[in-house]
Amino acid sequence: MNHNQELGAAGEELAASYLAGAGYRVLERNWRCRLGELDIVAETHGQVVGVEVKTRSSSGFGHPAEAVNPAKLRRLSHLVRRWCVTHRRNPHTVRVDVVAILMAPGCEPSIEHLIGVES
């Protein structure tokens, strides 16, 4: 596993713990289908939430959430709906959240949860 993969895995672990602590129920991690992957699928208040986790070790290339463009958000929204069909779930609503994590060496990780960036 290379440095970026390790950083991404650590970020996803941190995001899952953060979401659980915030009252979300993590249903699945790294769900894949032929259309793509959802980092985390969670549930809260009758909503199924697809969570994209973006982790960076510095802001040198911008804020981690900036890597999630409108086309990616549309694809993630479609993937959440596909997950629901595949798992025979009929939630009140679905949405896409982004968890942006900055894990600078020697510093406490910074977590920003952007709720409902695409629904």
PDB file of N, CA and C in Angstrom:
ATOM      1  N   MET A   1       0.850  -1.178   0.000  1.00  0.00           N
ATOM      2  CA  MET A   1       0.000   0.000   0.000  1.00  0.00           C
ATOM      3  C   MET A   1       0.895   1.240   0.000  1.00  0.00           C
ATOM      4  N   ASN A   2       0.638   2.165  -0.913  1.00  0.00           N
ATOM      5  CA  ASN A   2       1.463   3.373  -0.967  1.00  0.00           C
ATOM      6  C   ASN A   2       0.955   4.425   0.031  1.00  0.00           C
ATOM      7  N   HIS A   3       1.707   5.510   0.145  1.00  0.00           N
ATOM      8  CA  HIS A   3       1.382   6.552   1.132  1.00  0.00           C
ATOM      9  C   HIS A   3      -0.032   7.099   0.947  1.00  0.00           C
ATOM     10  N   ASN A   4      -0.428   7.396  -0.294  1.00  0.00           N
ATOM     11  CA  ASN A   4      -1.765   7.952  -0.538  1.00  0.00           C
ATOM     12  C   ASN A   4      -2.859   6.960  -0.160  1.00  0.00           C
ATOM     13  N   GLN A   5      -2.635   5.678  -0.445  1.00  0.00           N
ATOM     14  CA  GLN A   5      -3.616   4.655  -0.071  1.00  0.00           C
ATOM     15  C   GLN A   5      -3.720   4.541   1.450  1.00  0.00           C
ATOM     16  N   GLU A   6      -2.580   4.600   2.129  1.00  0.00           N
ATOM     17  CA  GLU A   6      -2.583   4.540   3.594  1.00  0.00           C
ATOM     18  C   GLU A   6      -3.293   5.753   4.191  1.00  0.00           C
ATOM     19  N   LEU A   7      -3.019   6.926   3.628  1.00  0.00           N
ATOM     20  CA  LEU A   7      -3.672   8.148   4.090  1.00  0.00           C
ATOM     21  C   LEU A   7      -5.178   8.056   3.875  1.00  0.00           C
ATOM     22  N   GLY A   8      -5.583   7.586   2.702  1.00  0.00           N
ATOM     23  CA  GLY A   8      -7.007   7.434   2.403  1.00  0.00           C
ATOM     24  C   GLY A   8      -7.693   6.452   3.336  1.00  0.00           C
ATOM     25  N   ALA A   9      -7.040   5.316   3.597  1.00  0.00           N
ATOM     26  CA  ALA A   9      -7.609   4.312   4.502  1.00  0.00           C
ATOM     27  C   ALA A   9      -7.741   4.871   5.914  1.00  0.00           C
ATOM     28  N   ALA A  10      -6.723   5.597   6.373  1.00  0.00           N
ATOM     29  CA  ALA A  10      -6.779   6.204   7.704  1.00  0.00           C
ATOM     30  C   ALA A  10      -7.898   7.239   7.770  1.00  0.00           C
ATOM     31  N   GLY A  11      -8.060   8.007   6.714  1.00  0.00           N
ATOM     32  CA  GLY A  11      -9.128   9.001   6.662  1.00  0.00           C
ATOM     33  C   GLY A  11     -10.508   8.360   6.690  1.00  0.00           C
ATOM     34  N   GLU A  12     -10.682   7.273   5.955  1.00  0.00           N
ATOM     35  CA  GLU A  12     -11.977   6.584   5.950  1.00  0.00           C
ATOM     36  C   GLU A  12     -12.292   5.998   7.323  1.00  0.00           C
ATOM     37  N   GLU A  13     -11.287   5.476   7.997  1.00  0.00           N
ATOM     38  CA  GLU A  13     -11.483   4.942   9.349  1.00  0.00           C
ATOM     39  C   GLU A  13     -11.902   6.062  10.297  1.00  0.00           C
ATOM     40  N   LEU A  14     -11.220   7.194  10.210  1.00  0.00           N
ATOM     41  CA  LEU A  14     -11.543   8.351  11.044  1.00  0.00           C
ATOM     42  C   LEU A  14     -12.948   8.868  10.745  1.00  0.00           C
ATOM     43  N   ALA A  15     -13.304   8.924   9.465  1.00  0.00           N
ATOM     44  CA  ALA A  15     -14.631   9.400   9.064  1.00  0.00           C
ATOM     45  C   ALA A  15     -15.728   8.469   9.591  1.00  0.00           C
ATOM     46  N   ALA A  16     -15.521   7.164   9.498  1.00  0.00           N
ATOM     47  CA  ALA A  16     -16.515   6.205   9.991  1.00  0.00           C
ATOM     48  C   ALA A  16     -16.711   6.368  11.496  1.00  0.00           C
ATOM     49  N   SER A  17     -15.630   6.540  12.232  1.00  0.00           N
ATOM     50  CA  SER A  17     -15.725   6.754  13.681  1.00  0.00           C
ATOM     51  C   SER A  17     -16.434   8.063  13.995  1.00  0.00           C
ATOM     52  N   TYR A  18     -16.087   9.106  13.246  1.00  0.00           N
ATOM     53  CA  TYR A  18     -16.727  10.409  13.435  1.00  0.00           C
ATOM     54  C   TYR A  18     -18.242  10.302  13.209  1.00  0.00           C
ATOM     55  N   LEU A  19     -18.638   9.662  12.101  1.00  0.00           N
ATOM     56  CA  LEU A  19     -20.061   9.534  11.777  1.00  0.00           C
ATOM     57  C   LEU A  19     -20.803   8.737  12.846  1.00  0.00           C
ATOM     58  N   ALA A  20     -20.209   7.631  13.294  1.00  0.00           N
ATOM     59  CA  ALA A  20     -20.838   6.822  14.346  1.00  0.00           C
ATOM     60  C   ALA A  20     -21.013   7.657  15.614  1.00  0.00           C
ATOM     61  N   GLY A  21     -20.011   8.453  15.952  1.00  0.00           N
ATOM     62  CA  GLY A  21     -20.087   9.320  17.122  1.00  0.00           C
ATOM     63  C   GLY A  21     -21.130  10.415  16.985  1.00  0.00           C
ATOM     64  N   ALA A  22     -21.448  10.774  15.739  1.00  0.00           N
ATOM     65  CA  ALA A  22     -22.451  11.806  15.467  1.00  0.00           C
ATOM     66  C   ALA A  22     -23.858  11.214  15.347  1.00  0.00           C
ATOM     67  N   GLY A  23     -23.988   9.902  15.623  1.00  0.00           N
ATOM     68  CA  GLY A  23     -25.300   9.271  15.614  1.00  0.00           C
ATOM     69  C   GLY A  23     -25.687   8.586  14.317  1.00  0.00           C
ATOM     70  N   TYR A  24     -24.797   8.535  13.355  1.00  0.00           N
ATOM     71  CA  TYR A  24     -25.072   7.826  12.103  1.00  0.00           C
ATOM     72  C   TYR A  24     -24.842   6.333  12.324  1.00  0.00           C
ATOM     73  N   ARG A  25     -25.582   5.533  11.609  1.00  0.00           N
ATOM     74  CA  ARG A  25     -25.336   4.101  11.617  1.00  0.00           C
ATOM     75  C   ARG A  25     -24.616   3.759  10.315  1.00  0.00           C
ATOM     76  N   VAL A  26     -23.376   3.319  10.417  1.00  0.00           N
ATOM     77  CA  VAL A  26     -22.610   2.961   9.221  1.00  0.00           C
ATOM     78  C   VAL A  26     -23.118   1.604   8.737  1.00  0.00           C
ATOM     79  N   LEU A  27     -23.640   1.582   7.519  1.00  0.00           N
ATOM     80  CA  LEU A  27     -24.221   0.367   6.957  1.00  0.00           C
ATOM     81  C   LEU A  27     -23.211  -0.438   6.156  1.00  0.00           C
ATOM     82  N   GLU A  28     -22.318   0.269   5.467  1.00  0.00           N
ATOM     83  CA  GLU A  28     -21.350  -0.419   4.613  1.00  0.00           C
ATOM     84  C   GLU A  28     -20.199   0.528   4.302  1.00  0.00           C
ATOM     85  N   ARG A  29     -19.051  -0.081   4.067  1.00  0.00           N
ATOM     86  CA  ARG A  29     -17.868   0.698   3.676  1.00  0.00           C
ATOM     87  C   ARG A  29     -17.307   0.132   2.384  1.00  0.00           C
ATOM     88  N   ASN A  30     -16.835   1.029   1.541  1.00  0.00           N
ATOM     89  CA  ASN A  30     -16.211   0.663   0.264  1.00  0.00           C
ATOM     90  C   ASN A  30     -17.110  -0.236  -0.588  1.00  0.00           C
ATOM     91  N   TRP A  31     -18.378   0.181  -0.725  1.00  0.00           N
ATOM     92  CA  TRP A  31     -19.317  -0.568  -1.561  1.00  0.00           C
ATOM     93  C   TRP A  31     -19.030  -0.254  -3.024  1.00  0.00           C
ATOM     94  N   ARG A  32     -18.916  -1.308  -3.808  1.00  0.00           N
ATOM     95  CA  ARG A  32     -18.596  -1.151  -5.227  1.00  0.00           C
ATOM     96  C   ARG A  32     -19.647  -1.814  -6.099  1.00  0.00           C
ATOM     97  N   CYS A  33     -19.883  -1.192  -7.238  1.00  0.00           N
ATOM     98  CA  CYS A  33     -20.648  -1.800  -8.311  1.00  0.00           C
ATOM     99  C   CYS A  33     -19.961  -1.371  -9.607  1.00  0.00           C
ATOM    100  N   ARG A  34     -20.500  -1.770 -10.718  1.00  0.00           N
ATOM    101  CA  ARG A  34     -19.828  -1.458 -11.985  1.00  0.00           C
ATOM    102  C   ARG A  34     -19.779   0.043 -12.278  1.00  0.00           C
ATOM    103  N   LEU A  35     -20.617   0.815 -11.596  1.00  0.00           N
ATOM    104  CA  LEU A  35     -20.665   2.264 -11.831  1.00  0.00           C
ATOM    105  C   LEU A  35     -19.707   3.063 -10.960  1.00  0.00           C
ATOM    106  N   GLY A  36     -19.146   2.413  -9.933  1.00  0.00           N
ATOM    107  CA  GLY A  36     -18.229   3.140  -9.068  1.00  0.00           C
ATOM    108  C   GLY A  36     -18.242   2.631  -7.647  1.00  0.00           C
ATOM    109  N   GLU A  37     -17.801   3.488  -6.729  1.00  0.00           N
ATOM    110  CA  GLU A  37     -17.657   3.094  -5.327  1.00  0.00           C
ATOM    111  C   GLU A  37     -18.163   4.185  -4.399  1.00  0.00           C
ATOM    112  N   LEU A  38     -18.798   3.751  -3.314  1.00  0.00           N
ATOM    113  CA  LEU A  38     -19.159   4.645  -2.218  1.00  0.00           C
ATOM    114  C   LEU A  38     -18.219   4.337  -1.065  1.00  0.00           C
ATOM    115  N   ASP A  39     -17.561   5.359  -0.532  1.00  0.00           N
ATOM    116  CA  ASP A  39     -16.636   5.140   0.579  1.00  0.00           C
ATOM    117  C   ASP A  39     -17.377   4.624   1.805  1.00  0.00           C
ATOM    118  N   ILE A  40     -18.480   5.289   2.142  1.00  0.00           N
ATOM    119  CA  ILE A  40     -19.283   4.902   3.304  1.00  0.00           C
ATOM    120  C   ILE A  40     -20.756   5.065   2.942  1.00  0.00           C
ATOM    121  N   VAL A  41     -21.553   4.077   3.337  1.00  0.00           N
ATOM    122  CA  VAL A  41     -23.010   4.194   3.260  1.00  0.00           C
ATOM    123  C   VAL A  41     -23.492   4.192   4.702  1.00  0.00           C
ATOM    124  N   ALA A  42     -24.244   5.229   5.061  1.00  0.00           N
ATOM    125  CA  ALA A  42     -24.714   5.364   6.438  1.00  0.00           C
ATOM    126  C   ALA A  42     -26.196   5.696   6.437  1.00  0.00           C
ATOM    127  N   GLU A  43     -26.769   5.657   7.629  1.00  0.00           N
ATOM    128  CA  GLU A  43     -28.184   5.967   7.789  1.00  0.00           C
ATOM    129  C   GLU A  43     -28.356   6.904   8.976  1.00  0.00           C
ATOM    130  N   THR A  44     -29.222   7.876   8.811  1.00  0.00           N
ATOM    131  CA  THR A  44     -29.570   8.782   9.894  1.00  0.00           C
ATOM    132  C   THR A  44     -30.966   9.333   9.660  1.00  0.00           C
ATOM    133  N   HIS A  45     -31.789   9.311  10.666  1.00  0.00           N
ATOM    134  CA  HIS A  45     -33.127   9.899  10.612  1.00  0.00           C
ATOM    135  C   HIS A  45     -33.917   9.472   9.366  1.00  0.00           C
ATOM    136  N   GLY A  46     -33.865   8.191   9.026  1.00  0.00           N
ATOM    137  CA  GLY A  46     -34.621   7.685   7.883  1.00  0.00           C
ATOM    138  C   GLY A  46     -34.012   7.988   6.525  1.00  0.00           C
ATOM    139  N   GLN A  47     -32.840   8.577   6.497  1.00  0.00           N
ATOM    140  CA  GLN A  47     -32.156   8.873   5.241  1.00  0.00           C
ATOM    141  C   GLN A  47     -30.992   7.917   5.052  1.00  0.00           C
ATOM    142  N   VAL A  48     -30.793   7.489   3.814  1.00  0.00           N
ATOM    143  CA  VAL A  48     -29.572   6.772   3.465  1.00  0.00           C
ATOM    144  C   VAL A  48     -28.613   7.806   2.897  1.00  0.00           C
ATOM    145  N   VAL A  49     -27.390   7.790   3.417  1.00  0.00           N
ATOM    146  CA  VAL A  49     -26.402   8.810   3.066  1.00  0.00           C
ATOM    147  C   VAL A  49     -25.168   8.145   2.460  1.00  0.00           C
ATOM    148  N   GLY A  50     -24.825   8.552   1.252  1.00  0.00           N
ATOM    149  CA  GLY A  50     -23.560   8.145   0.660  1.00  0.00           C
ATOM    150  C   GLY A  50     -22.521   9.176   1.066  1.00  0.00           C
ATOM    151  N   VAL A  51     -21.428   8.712   1.645  1.00  0.00           N
ATOM    152  CA  VAL A  51     -20.421   9.636   2.155  1.00  0.00           C
ATOM    153  C   VAL A  51     -19.128   9.466   1.361  1.00  0.00           C
ATOM    154  N   GLU A  52     -18.685  10.548   0.756  1.00  0.00           N
ATOM    155  CA  GLU A  52     -17.400  10.592   0.070  1.00  0.00           C
ATOM    156  C   GLU A  52     -16.389  11.152   1.052  1.00  0.00           C
ATOM    157  N   VAL A  53     -15.303  10.426   1.259  1.00  0.00           N
ATOM    158  CA  VAL A  53     -14.266  10.849   2.192  1.00  0.00           C
ATOM    159  C   VAL A  53     -13.061  11.319   1.383  1.00  0.00           C
ATOM    160  N   LYS A  54     -12.626  12.525   1.645  1.00  0.00           N
ATOM    161  CA  LYS A  54     -11.435  13.070   0.996  1.00  0.00           C
ATOM    162  C   LYS A  54     -10.435  13.446   2.077  1.00  0.00           C
ATOM    163  N   THR A  55      -9.253  12.870   1.995  1.00  0.00           N
ATOM    164  CA  THR A  55      -8.223  13.086   3.009  1.00  0.00           C
ATOM    165  C   THR A  55      -6.972  13.637   2.348  1.00  0.00           C
ATOM    166  N   ARG A  56      -6.407  14.646   2.958  1.00  0.00           N
ATOM    167  CA  ARG A  56      -5.159  15.240   2.476  1.00  0.00           C
ATOM    168  C   ARG A  56      -4.218  15.407   3.661  1.00  0.00           C
ATOM    169  N   SER A  57      -2.917  15.419   3.368  1.00  0.00           N
ATOM    170  CA  SER A  57      -1.923  15.646   4.424  1.00  0.00           C
ATOM    171  C   SER A  57      -1.558  17.129   4.525  1.00  0.00           C
ATOM    172  N   SER A  58      -2.000  17.926   3.540  1.00  0.00           N
ATOM    173  CA  SER A  58      -1.798  19.378   3.593  1.00  0.00           C
ATOM    174  C   SER A  58      -2.827  20.025   2.679  1.00  0.00           C
ATOM    175  N   SER A  59      -2.945  21.328   2.795  1.00  0.00           N
ATOM    176  CA  SER A  59      -3.876  22.040   1.926  1.00  0.00           C
ATOM    177  C   SER A  59      -3.145  22.642   0.725  1.00  0.00           C
ATOM    178  N   GLY A  60      -1.961  22.143   0.453  1.00  0.00           N
ATOM    179  CA  GLY A  60      -1.161  22.639  -0.660  1.00  0.00           C
ATOM    180  C   GLY A  60      -1.841  22.534  -2.011  1.00  0.00           C
ATOM    181  N   PHE A  61      -2.714  21.541  -2.157  1.00  0.00           N
ATOM    182  CA  PHE A  61      -3.466  21.375  -3.406  1.00  0.00           C
ATOM    183  C   PHE A  61      -4.915  21.778  -3.218  1.00  0.00           C
ATOM    184  N   GLY A  62      -5.187  22.596  -2.188  1.00  0.00           N
ATOM    185  CA  GLY A  62      -6.544  23.050  -1.913  1.00  0.00           C
ATOM    186  C   GLY A  62      -7.201  22.231  -0.819  1.00  0.00           C
ATOM    187  N   HIS A  63      -8.397  22.663  -0.455  1.00  0.00           N
ATOM    188  CA  HIS A  63      -9.188  21.983   0.564  1.00  0.00           C
ATOM    189  C   HIS A  63      -9.575  20.595   0.041  1.00  0.00           C
ATOM    190  N   PRO A  64      -9.566  19.574   0.898  1.00  0.00           N
ATOM    191  CA  PRO A  64      -9.899  18.225   0.426  1.00  0.00           C
ATOM    192  C   PRO A  64     -11.240  18.145  -0.310  1.00  0.00           C
ATOM    193  N   ALA A  65     -12.240  18.880   0.141  1.00  0.00           N
ATOM    194  CA  ALA A  65     -13.570  18.813  -0.483  1.00  0.00           C
ATOM    195  C   ALA A  65     -13.565  19.363  -1.913  1.00  0.00           C
ATOM    196  N   GLU A  66     -12.578  20.184  -2.245  1.00  0.00           N
ATOM    197  CA  GLU A  66     -12.520  20.741  -3.596  1.00  0.00           C
ATOM    198  C   GLU A  66     -12.302  19.661  -4.654  1.00  0.00           C
ATOM    199  N   ALA A  67     -11.853  18.488  -4.236  1.00  0.00           N
ATOM    200  CA  ALA A  67     -11.643  17.383  -5.177  1.00  0.00           C
ATOM    201  C   ALA A  67     -12.950  16.737  -5.610  1.00  0.00           C
ATOM    202  N   VAL A  68     -14.049  17.107  -4.982  1.00  0.00           N
ATOM    203  CA  VAL A  68     -15.358  16.535  -5.318  1.00  0.00           C
ATOM    204  C   VAL A  68     -16.099  17.541  -6.196  1.00  0.00           C
ATOM    205  N   ASN A  69     -16.040  17.309  -7.502  1.00  0.00           N
ATOM    206  CA  ASN A  69     -16.645  18.242  -8.450  1.00  0.00           C
ATOM    207  C   ASN A  69     -18.110  17.875  -8.728  1.00  0.00           C
ATOM    208  N   PRO A  70     -18.850  18.729  -9.444  1.00  0.00           N
ATOM    209  CA  PRO A  70     -20.274  18.466  -9.700  1.00  0.00           C
ATOM    210  C   PRO A  70     -20.537  17.126 -10.408  1.00  0.00           C
ATOM    211  N   ALA A  71     -19.687  16.735 -11.338  1.00  0.00           N
ATOM    212  CA  ALA A  71     -19.886  15.449 -12.023  1.00  0.00           C
ATOM    213  C   ALA A  71     -19.745  14.286 -11.040  1.00  0.00           C
ATOM    214  N   LYS A  72     -18.772  14.378 -10.153  1.00  0.00           N
ATOM    215  CA  LYS A  72     -18.582  13.333  -9.138  1.00  0.00           C
ATOM    216  C   LYS A  72     -19.786  13.287  -8.195  1.00  0.00           C
ATOM    217  N   LEU A  73     -20.311  14.444  -7.813  1.00  0.00           N
ATOM    218  CA  LEU A  73     -21.484  14.482  -6.944  1.00  0.00           C
ATOM    219  C   LEU A  73     -22.688  13.821  -7.598  1.00  0.00           C
ATOM    220  N   ARG A  74     -22.889  14.064  -8.893  1.00  0.00           N
ATOM    221  CA  ARG A  74     -24.006  13.430  -9.606  1.00  0.00           C
ATOM    222  C   ARG A  74     -23.831  11.915  -9.621  1.00  0.00           C
ATOM    223  N   ARG A  75     -22.607  11.459  -9.862  1.00  0.00           N
ATOM    224  CA  ARG A  75     -22.342  10.024  -9.879  1.00  0.00           C
ATOM    225  C   ARG A  75     -22.571   9.416  -8.502  1.00  0.00           C
ATOM    226  N   LEU A  76     -22.124  10.098  -7.452  1.00  0.00           N
ATOM    227  CA  LEU A  76     -22.321   9.602  -6.093  1.00  0.00           C
ATOM    228  C   LEU A  76     -23.805   9.515  -5.747  1.00  0.00           C
ATOM    229  N   SER A  77     -24.575  10.513  -6.160  1.00  0.00           N
ATOM    230  CA  SER A  77     -26.015  10.505  -5.919  1.00  0.00           C
ATOM    231  C   SER A  77     -26.659   9.290  -6.593  1.00  0.00           C
ATOM    232  N   HIS A  78     -26.248   9.020  -7.815  1.00  0.00           N
ATOM    233  CA  HIS A  78     -26.755   7.848  -8.544  1.00  0.00           C
ATOM    234  C   HIS A  78     -26.345   6.561  -7.824  1.00  0.00           C
ATOM    235  N   LEU A  79     -25.106   6.512  -7.336  1.00  0.00           N
ATOM    236  CA  LEU A  79     -24.629   5.322  -6.629  1.00  0.00           C
ATOM    237  C   LEU A  79     -25.412   5.057  -5.346  1.00  0.00           C
ATOM    238  N   VAL A  80     -25.771   6.110  -4.620  1.00  0.00           N
ATOM    239  CA  VAL A  80     -26.563   5.926  -3.396  1.00  0.00           C
ATOM    240  C   VAL A  80     -27.909   5.302  -3.742  1.00  0.00           C
ATOM    241  N   ARG A  81     -28.526   5.797  -4.796  1.00  0.00           N
ATOM    242  CA  ARG A  81     -29.814   5.231  -5.220  1.00  0.00           C
ATOM    243  C   ARG A  81     -29.642   3.777  -5.669  1.00  0.00           C
ATOM    244  N   ARG A  82     -28.562   3.497  -6.351  1.00  0.00           N
ATOM    245  CA  ARG A  82     -28.282   2.119  -6.787  1.00  0.00           C
ATOM    246  C   ARG A  82     -28.086   1.211  -5.572  1.00  0.00           C
ATOM    247  N   TRP A  83     -27.369   1.705  -4.558  1.00  0.00           N
ATOM    248  CA  TRP A  83     -27.171   0.920  -3.335  1.00  0.00           C
ATOM    249  C   TRP A  83     -28.521   0.576  -2.724  1.00  0.00           C
ATOM    250  N   CYS A  84     -29.425   1.538  -2.666  1.00  0.00           N
ATOM    251  CA  CYS A  84     -30.749   1.310  -2.083  1.00  0.00           C
ATOM    252  C   CYS A  84     -31.516   0.244  -2.845  1.00  0.00           C
ATOM    253  N   VAL A  85     -31.472   0.292  -4.163  1.00  0.00           N
ATOM    254  CA  VAL A  85     -32.156  -0.715  -4.977  1.00  0.00           C
ATOM    255  C   VAL A  85     -31.530  -2.089  -4.737  1.00  0.00           C
ATOM    256  N   THR A  86     -30.217  -2.158  -4.767  1.00  0.00           N
ATOM    257  CA  THR A  86     -29.499  -3.428  -4.581  1.00  0.00           C
ATOM    258  C   THR A  86     -29.793  -4.038  -3.217  1.00  0.00           C
ATOM    259  N   HIS A  87     -29.940  -3.192  -2.205  1.00  0.00           N
ATOM    260  CA  HIS A  87     -30.165  -3.677  -0.838  1.00  0.00           C
ATOM    261  C   HIS A  87     -31.636  -3.630  -0.415  1.00  0.00           C
ATOM    262  N   ARG A  88     -32.510  -3.412  -1.400  1.00  0.00           N
ATOM    263  CA  ARG A  88     -33.959  -3.372  -1.158  1.00  0.00           C
ATOM    264  C   ARG A  88     -34.336  -2.424  -0.021  1.00  0.00           C
ATOM    265  N   ARG A  89     -33.734  -1.259  -0.054  1.00  0.00           N
ATOM    266  CA  ARG A  89     -34.022  -0.225   0.938  1.00  0.00           C
ATOM    267  C   ARG A  89     -34.866   0.848   0.273  1.00  0.00           C
ATOM    268  N   ASN A  90     -35.859   1.341   0.993  1.00  0.00           N
ATOM    269  CA  ASN A  90     -36.707   2.401   0.472  1.00  0.00           C
ATOM    270  C   ASN A  90     -36.754   3.531   1.500  1.00  0.00           C
ATOM    271  N   PRO A  91     -35.666   4.286   1.610  1.00  0.00           N
ATOM    272  CA  PRO A  91     -35.609   5.351   2.618  1.00  0.00           C
ATOM    273  C   PRO A  91     -36.513   6.514   2.237  1.00  0.00           C
ATOM    274  N   HIS A  92     -36.807   7.364   3.228  1.00  0.00           N
ATOM    275  CA  HIS A  92     -37.585   8.576   2.944  1.00  0.00           C
ATOM    276  C   HIS A  92     -36.850   9.415   1.902  1.00  0.00           C
ATOM    277  N   THR A  93     -35.557   9.590   2.085  1.00  0.00           N
ATOM    278  CA  THR A  93     -34.732  10.350   1.151  1.00  0.00           C
ATOM    279  C   THR A  93     -33.317   9.779   1.154  1.00  0.00           C
ATOM    280  N   VAL A  94     -32.568  10.141   0.126  1.00  0.00           N
ATOM    281  CA  VAL A  94     -31.142   9.822   0.073  1.00  0.00           C
ATOM    282  C   VAL A  94     -30.393  11.130  -0.111  1.00  0.00           C
ATOM    283  N   ARG A  95     -29.134  11.118   0.283  1.00  0.00           N
ATOM    284  CA  ARG A  95     -28.324  12.310   0.082  1.00  0.00           C
ATOM    285  C   ARG A  95     -26.858  11.906   0.008  1.00  0.00           C
ATOM    286  N   VAL A  96     -26.044  12.884  -0.398  1.00  0.00           N
ATOM    287  CA  VAL A  96     -24.598  12.706  -0.451  1.00  0.00           C
ATOM    288  C   VAL A  96     -23.966  13.722   0.484  1.00  0.00           C
ATOM    289  N   ASP A  97     -23.086  13.228   1.344  1.00  0.00           N
ATOM    290  CA  ASP A  97     -22.289  14.083   2.222  1.00  0.00           C
ATOM    291  C   ASP A  97     -20.824  13.933   1.826  1.00  0.00           C
ATOM    292  N   VAL A  98     -20.029  14.905   2.194  1.00  0.00           N
ATOM    293  CA  VAL A  98     -18.580  14.822   2.022  1.00  0.00           C
ATOM    294  C   VAL A  98     -17.951  15.025   3.398  1.00  0.00           C
ATOM    295  N   VAL A  99     -17.034  14.139   3.743  1.00  0.00           N
ATOM    296  CA  VAL A  99     -16.234  14.323   4.946  1.00  0.00           C
ATOM    297  C   VAL A  99     -14.824  14.646   4.468  1.00  0.00           C
ATOM    298  N   ALA A 100     -14.391  15.872   4.741  1.00  0.00           N
ATOM    299  CA  ALA A 100     -13.070  16.347   4.332  1.00  0.00           C
ATOM    300  C   ALA A 100     -12.150  16.311   5.545  1.00  0.00           C
ATOM    301  N   ILE A 101     -11.025  15.633   5.396  1.00  0.00           N
ATOM    302  CA  ILE A 101     -10.104  15.452   6.512  1.00  0.00           C
ATOM    303  C   ILE A 101      -8.726  15.960   6.126  1.00  0.00           C
ATOM    304  N   LEU A 102      -8.164  16.759   7.005  1.00  0.00           N
ATOM    305  CA  LEU A 102      -6.794  17.229   6.842  1.00  0.00           C
ATOM    306  C   LEU A 102      -5.974  16.576   7.948  1.00  0.00           C
ATOM    307  N   MET A 103      -5.029  15.717   7.546  1.00  0.00           N
ATOM    308  CA  MET A 103      -4.189  14.990   8.490  1.00  0.00           C
ATOM    309  C   MET A 103      -2.739  15.420   8.312  1.00  0.00           C
ATOM    310  N   ALA A 104      -2.432  16.622   8.757  1.00  0.00           N
ATOM    311  CA  ALA A 104      -1.070  17.144   8.639  1.00  0.00           C
ATOM    312  C   ALA A 104      -0.177  16.441   9.658  1.00  0.00           C
ATOM    313  N   PRO A 105       1.034  16.062   9.244  1.00  0.00           N
ATOM    314  CA  PRO A 105       1.948  15.390  10.170  1.00  0.00           C
ATOM    315  C   PRO A 105       2.171  16.210  11.441  1.00  0.00           C
ATOM    316  N   GLY A 106       2.081  15.537  12.577  1.00  0.00           N
ATOM    317  CA  GLY A 106       2.322  16.192  13.855  1.00  0.00           C
ATOM    318  C   GLY A 106       1.165  17.021  14.377  1.00  0.00           C
ATOM    319  N   CYS A 107       0.048  17.037  13.658  1.00  0.00           N
ATOM    320  CA  CYS A 107      -1.116  17.830  14.074  1.00  0.00           C
ATOM    321  C   CYS A 107      -2.321  16.914  14.286  1.00  0.00           C
ATOM    322  N   GLU A 108      -3.227  17.392  15.106  1.00  0.00           N
ATOM    323  CA  GLU A 108      -4.494  16.680  15.301  1.00  0.00           C
ATOM    324  C   GLU A 108      -5.289  16.764  13.990  1.00  0.00           C
ATOM    325  N   PRO A 109      -5.901  15.662  13.535  1.00  0.00           N
ATOM    326  CA  PRO A 109      -6.681  15.722  12.296  1.00  0.00           C
ATOM    327  C   PRO A 109      -7.830  16.712  12.384  1.00  0.00           C
ATOM    328  N   SER A 110      -8.088  17.376  11.288  1.00  0.00           N
ATOM    329  CA  SER A 110      -9.207  18.310  11.166  1.00  0.00           C
ATOM    330  C   SER A 110     -10.279  17.629  10.315  1.00  0.00           C
ATOM    331  N   ILE A 111     -11.513  17.591  10.830  1.00  0.00           N
ATOM    332  CA  ILE A 111     -12.619  16.937  10.119  1.00  0.00           C
ATOM    333  C   ILE A 111     -13.694  17.968   9.838  1.00  0.00           C
ATOM    334  N   GLU A 112     -14.115  18.050   8.578  1.00  0.00           N
ATOM    335  CA  GLU A 112     -15.220  18.913   8.193  1.00  0.00           C
ATOM    336  C   GLU A 112     -16.265  18.058   7.501  1.00  0.00           C
ATOM    337  N   HIS A 113     -17.498  18.096   8.001  1.00  0.00           N
ATOM    338  CA  HIS A 113     -18.590  17.287   7.467  1.00  0.00           C
ATOM    339  C   HIS A 113     -19.538  18.201   6.690  1.00  0.00           C
ATOM    340  N   LEU A 114     -19.579  18.040   5.392  1.00  0.00           N
ATOM    341  CA  LEU A 114     -20.462  18.832   4.526  1.00  0.00           C
ATOM    342  C   LEU A 114     -21.708  17.992   4.258  1.00  0.00           C
ATOM    343  N   ILE A 115     -22.831  18.425   4.782  1.00  0.00           N
ATOM    344  CA  ILE A 115     -24.063  17.633   4.750  1.00  0.00           C
ATOM    345  C   ILE A 115     -24.925  18.028   3.566  1.00  0.00           C
ATOM    346  N   GLY A 116     -25.404  16.996   2.834  1.00  0.00           N
ATOM    347  CA  GLY A 116     -26.343  17.218   1.764  1.00  0.00           C
ATOM    348  C   GLY A 116     -25.810  18.036   0.603  1.00  0.00           C
ATOM    349  N   VAL A 117     -24.596  17.732   0.200  1.00  0.00           N
ATOM    350  CA  VAL A 117     -24.006  18.484  -0.909  1.00  0.00           C
ATOM    351  C   VAL A 117     -24.680  18.165  -2.230  1.00  0.00           C
ATOM    352  N   GLU A 118     -25.364  17.024  -2.293  1.00  0.00           N
ATOM    353  CA  GLU A 118     -26.139  16.629  -3.481  1.00  0.00           C
ATOM    354  C   GLU A 118     -27.202  15.675  -2.967  1.00  0.00           C
ATOM    355  N   SER A 119     -28.439  15.906  -3.359  1.00  0.00           N
ATOM    356  CA  SER A 119     -29.483  14.984  -2.919  1.00  0.00           C
ATOM    357  C   SER A 119     -30.425  14.661  -4.053  1.00  0.00           C
TER     358      SER A 119
END
